[in-house]
Protein backbone atom coordinates (compact mmCIF):
# COMPACT_ATOMS: atom_id res chain seq x y z
CA MET A 1 56.80 -6.12 -125.91
CA ILE A 2 59.85 -6.33 -124.04
CA ARG A 3 60.66 -2.96 -122.08
CA GLY A 4 64.43 -1.19 -122.81
CA ASN A 5 65.45 -1.68 -119.49
CA TRP A 6 64.12 -4.68 -119.05
CA SER A 7 66.79 -7.23 -117.29
CA LEU A 8 66.73 -11.60 -117.38
CA ALA A 9 68.79 -11.33 -114.46
CA ASP A 10 67.00 -8.84 -112.17
CA GLU A 11 63.49 -10.56 -113.09
CA PHE A 12 65.09 -13.93 -111.97
CA LYS A 13 66.77 -12.39 -108.49
CA LYS A 14 63.42 -10.66 -107.90
CA ASN A 15 61.81 -14.03 -108.02
CA GLU A 16 64.14 -15.51 -105.77
CA LYS A 17 63.72 -13.04 -103.33
CA LYS A 18 59.77 -13.66 -103.26
CA GLN A 19 60.49 -17.66 -102.99
CA ILE A 20 63.11 -17.13 -100.27
CA THR A 21 60.58 -14.87 -98.64
CA LYS A 22 57.49 -16.93 -98.79
CA ILE A 23 59.99 -20.26 -97.03
CA GLN A 24 61.16 -18.15 -94.44
CA GLN A 25 57.39 -16.97 -93.61
CA ARG A 26 56.53 -20.71 -93.74
CA GLN A 27 59.00 -21.37 -91.38
CA ARG A 28 58.40 -18.88 -89.17
CA ASP A 29 54.59 -20.08 -89.13
CA ASN A 30 55.85 -23.61 -88.65
CA HIS A 31 58.13 -22.42 -85.66
CA LYS A 32 55.05 -20.17 -84.48
CA LEU A 33 52.61 -23.26 -84.71
CA GLU A 34 55.08 -25.52 -82.78
CA LYS A 35 55.64 -23.34 -80.27
CA LEU A 36 51.49 -22.18 -79.62
CA LYS A 37 50.90 -26.19 -79.36
CA ALA A 38 52.74 -26.35 -76.45
CA ILE A 39 51.33 -23.38 -74.59
CA ASP A 40 48.23 -23.17 -72.15
CA PRO A 41 45.70 -21.06 -73.98
CA ILE A 42 43.96 -20.33 -70.76
CA HIS A 43 46.83 -19.14 -68.87
CA LEU A 44 47.50 -16.58 -72.43
CA TYR A 45 44.10 -15.39 -72.53
CA TYR A 46 44.33 -14.30 -68.40
CA LYS A 47 47.49 -12.91 -69.25
CA ILE A 48 46.14 -11.16 -71.85
CA ASP A 49 43.14 -10.06 -69.80
CA ARG A 50 45.80 -8.91 -66.99
CA LEU A 51 47.88 -6.52 -68.85
CA ASP A 52 45.04 -4.96 -70.87
CA GLN A 53 43.23 -3.98 -67.31
CA THR A 54 46.58 -2.60 -66.22
CA PRO A 55 46.60 1.00 -66.02
CA ASN A 56 49.68 3.17 -67.16
CA LYS A 57 51.16 0.72 -69.38
CA SER A 58 54.80 1.63 -70.28
CA GLU A 59 55.93 1.17 -74.31
CA LYS A 60 57.53 -2.21 -73.39
CA ASP A 61 54.15 -3.38 -72.06
CA ASN A 62 52.20 -2.32 -74.56
CA SER A 63 54.78 -3.89 -77.40
CA TYR A 64 54.67 -7.32 -75.35
CA LEU A 65 50.64 -7.34 -75.27
CA ASN A 66 50.33 -6.77 -78.87
CA LYS A 67 52.57 -9.81 -78.93
CA LEU A 68 50.70 -11.92 -77.10
CA LYS A 69 47.54 -10.60 -78.99
CA GLU A 70 48.67 -11.60 -82.23
CA ASP A 71 49.49 -15.40 -80.52
CA TRP A 72 46.26 -15.31 -79.34
CA ASP A 73 44.64 -14.96 -83.07
CA PHE A 74 46.84 -17.32 -84.32
CA ILE A 75 45.57 -20.04 -82.21
CA ILE A 76 42.07 -18.90 -83.22
CA LYS A 77 42.76 -18.72 -86.75
CA HIS A 78 44.45 -22.51 -86.94
CA ASN A 79 41.96 -23.95 -84.38
CA LEU A 80 44.32 -24.73 -81.94
CA HIS A 81 43.43 -26.45 -78.64
CA SER A 82 39.84 -26.52 -79.92
CA SER A 83 38.86 -29.02 -77.39
CA LYS A 84 39.94 -26.63 -74.58
CA LEU A 85 38.97 -23.26 -75.79
CA LYS A 86 35.30 -24.05 -76.91
CA PRO A 87 33.88 -24.89 -73.52
CA PHE A 88 36.04 -22.27 -71.77
CA LEU A 89 35.16 -19.21 -74.40
CA GLU A 90 31.60 -20.21 -73.92
CA ASN A 91 31.82 -20.38 -70.03
CA GLN A 92 33.44 -16.88 -70.05
CA GLN A 93 31.08 -15.81 -72.77
CA LYS A 94 27.93 -16.79 -70.31
CA LYS A 95 29.90 -15.04 -66.96
CA GLN A 96 29.92 -11.84 -69.32
CA GLN A 97 26.05 -12.16 -69.94
CA GLN A 98 25.23 -12.59 -66.36
CA LYS A 99 27.42 -9.76 -65.20
CA LEU A 100 25.50 -7.29 -67.63
CA ARG A 101 22.13 -8.67 -66.28
CA GLN A 102 23.31 -8.34 -62.73
CA GLN A 103 24.64 -5.00 -63.72
CA THR A 104 21.38 -3.72 -64.87
CA LYS A 105 19.23 -5.30 -62.53
CA LEU A 106 16.95 -3.47 -60.79
CA TRP A 107 16.98 -4.50 -56.93
CA GLY A 108 14.69 -2.12 -55.20
CA GLN A 109 14.72 -1.80 -51.77
CA LYS A 110 18.00 -3.93 -51.57
CA SER A 111 20.11 -1.75 -53.76
CA ILE A 112 22.00 0.44 -51.86
CA TYR A 113 21.26 3.84 -54.44
CA PHE A 114 17.35 2.87 -53.20
CA ASN A 115 15.37 5.70 -52.08
CA PRO A 116 11.29 6.06 -51.94
CA GLU A 117 10.76 8.82 -53.78
CA LEU A 118 13.83 9.83 -55.90
CA ASN A 119 14.93 6.35 -56.86
CA PRO A 120 12.25 3.74 -55.78
CA LEU A 121 13.47 1.32 -58.04
CA GLY A 122 16.88 1.11 -57.41
CA LYS A 123 18.60 2.31 -60.29
CA VAL A 124 22.13 2.54 -60.80
CA PRO A 125 23.17 6.28 -61.33
CA GLU A 126 24.75 7.35 -64.81
CA LEU A 127 28.07 8.86 -65.04
CA GLU A 128 26.76 11.38 -67.15
CA ASN A 129 24.15 12.42 -64.70
CA LEU A 130 26.96 13.15 -61.70
CA PRO A 131 28.43 16.28 -61.15
CA TYR A 132 32.02 15.00 -60.90
CA LYS A 133 33.82 12.31 -63.47
CA LEU A 134 34.91 8.79 -62.22
CA LYS A 135 37.21 6.66 -63.49
CA ASP A 136 35.69 3.09 -63.09
CA SER A 137 32.09 2.85 -63.35
CA ILE A 138 29.81 2.28 -60.76
CA GLU A 139 28.67 -1.06 -59.66
CA ASN A 140 24.95 -2.38 -58.95
CA LEU A 141 25.56 -2.83 -55.27
CA THR A 142 23.42 -4.26 -52.80
CA VAL A 143 22.79 -3.95 -48.89
CA PRO A 144 24.40 -6.28 -46.86
CA LEU A 145 22.38 -9.49 -45.87
CA LYS A 146 20.71 -10.15 -42.68
CA GLY A 147 23.17 -12.51 -41.40
CA LYS A 148 26.07 -10.00 -42.06
CA GLN A 149 23.90 -6.69 -40.44
CA ILE A 150 25.31 -5.54 -37.01
CA ASN A 151 22.54 -5.01 -34.37
CA TYR A 152 23.88 -2.21 -32.02
CA SER A 153 21.81 -1.72 -28.65
CA PRO A 154 19.80 1.38 -28.11
CA ASP A 155 21.32 4.22 -26.86
CA PRO A 156 20.85 4.19 -22.73
CA ILE A 157 20.03 8.39 -22.67
CA ILE A 158 16.80 7.50 -24.93
CA LYS A 159 15.61 5.61 -21.84
CA GLU A 160 16.22 8.16 -19.35
CA LEU A 161 14.81 11.18 -21.19
CA GLN A 162 11.52 8.79 -22.11
CA ILE A 163 11.90 9.73 -25.66
CA LYS A 164 8.74 8.68 -27.41
CA CYS A 165 7.39 8.95 -31.16
CA PRO A 166 4.80 11.29 -31.72
CA PRO A 167 1.30 9.81 -32.45
CA GLY A 168 -0.08 8.95 -35.70
CA GLN A 169 1.51 7.21 -38.97
CA PRO A 170 5.32 7.32 -39.34
CA PRO A 171 6.19 9.77 -42.30
CA ARG A 172 6.43 7.95 -45.89
CA SER A 173 9.98 9.42 -46.45
CA TYR A 174 12.33 12.33 -45.58
CA LYS A 175 12.65 13.85 -48.90
CA LEU A 176 10.11 15.95 -50.53
CA ILE A 177 10.73 16.47 -54.59
CA GLN A 178 10.57 20.04 -55.98
CA ASN A 179 9.07 21.36 -58.90
CA THR A 180 7.36 18.28 -60.35
CA SER A 181 3.69 18.96 -60.41
CA LYS A 182 1.86 20.47 -62.90
CA LYS A 183 0.48 23.91 -62.44
CA ASN A 184 -3.33 24.16 -62.77
CA LYS A 185 -4.69 27.59 -63.54
CA HIS A 186 -7.04 27.78 -60.36
CA ASN A 187 -3.62 27.02 -58.58
CA SER A 188 -1.91 29.66 -60.61
CA LYS A 189 -4.73 32.72 -59.01
CA SER A 190 -4.65 31.16 -55.90
CA ASN A 191 -0.87 31.92 -55.83
CA ASN A 192 -1.73 35.56 -56.18
CA THR A 193 -3.88 35.96 -52.82
CA GLU A 194 -1.77 35.10 -49.57
CA VAL A 195 -2.64 32.49 -47.48
CA LEU A 196 -2.20 32.16 -44.15
CA PRO A 197 -0.71 28.44 -42.63
CA GLU A 198 -3.63 26.27 -40.81
CA SER A 199 -1.52 26.43 -37.39
CA GLU A 200 -1.55 30.21 -37.34
CA THR A 201 -5.34 31.54 -36.01
CA ILE A 202 -6.53 35.58 -35.84
CA VAL A 203 -6.68 36.97 -32.96
CA VAL A 204 -9.40 39.75 -32.82
CA ASP A 205 -8.38 42.57 -30.32
CA ASN A 206 -12.04 43.25 -28.45
CA SER A 207 -10.70 46.01 -26.70
CA SER A 208 -10.51 48.12 -29.94
CA GLU A 209 -14.26 47.30 -30.73
CA GLU A 210 -15.28 48.44 -27.28
CA ASN A 211 -13.36 51.27 -27.32
CA ASP A 212 -15.42 52.26 -30.62
CA SER A 213 -18.30 51.69 -29.63
CA PRO A 214 -19.13 54.79 -27.80
CA HIS A 215 -17.97 57.25 -30.04
CA GLU A 216 -20.15 55.73 -32.65
CA GLU A 217 -23.30 56.03 -30.18
CA GLU A 218 -22.53 59.60 -29.66
CA GLU A 219 -22.42 60.17 -33.32
CA GLU A 220 -25.90 58.25 -33.39
CA GLU A 221 -27.41 60.76 -30.76
CA GLU A 222 -25.99 63.98 -31.99
CA GLU A 223 -27.44 62.83 -35.64
CA GLU A 224 -30.90 62.27 -33.65
CA GLY A 225 -30.81 65.88 -31.65
CA GLY A 226 -29.58 68.01 -34.42
CA PRO A 227 -32.24 70.45 -36.40
CA ASP A 228 -35.01 68.69 -38.31
CA PHE A 229 -35.40 70.38 -41.50
CA LYS A 230 -38.34 69.89 -43.61
CA ARG A 231 -38.88 70.89 -47.07
CA TYR A 232 -41.52 73.75 -47.64
CA LYS A 233 -43.85 73.89 -50.85
CA HIS A 234 -43.13 77.36 -52.79
CA SER A 235 -46.67 78.74 -53.86
């Protein structure tokens, strides 16, 4: 059924516009294809990566970055430079996996975050647990190698003063973790009573005992010399 406002000329113009649009799109694709065939895809990859990591980009930079990403998607879609891109992308993927492994590796004593009590495995601190915010992520860094370490001569004042370490084994660490041990019932009862430290000794004043002893003897004598009350039975 033909509509009342239908026109053959208008329908012909619409079809003609569609054909022109398809031809123009095909021409643009062919022009882009010839252009991207002559481009270095690895150079394009690094250019996108460098612009993507640039902070405070302007609108012009963002539009240029979007254009480069469109070119990259076009190269991947039409499988251009496959012989060159395939080994390169595989190598980049291996580097990313190695970087992730290095970021999560536990270095132990080699880590700069190592602490014998608080962080014995040398884990990287999480940004969420920090009291302040950081813009960049924390790297999993290690201490310098022995060859790069600088050996400083001892202070001569130590020899002059003849400072010596105390006897016994050195302390295992210099920090003490608080509020981590479980409280037992015995500990809770003993906490109610005051306990003197071992270093303190109780000194008994003998003079007070000597002063008190004569009075006690006098009281005993008075008790012995007092009247002797006898009990009598009443008949």
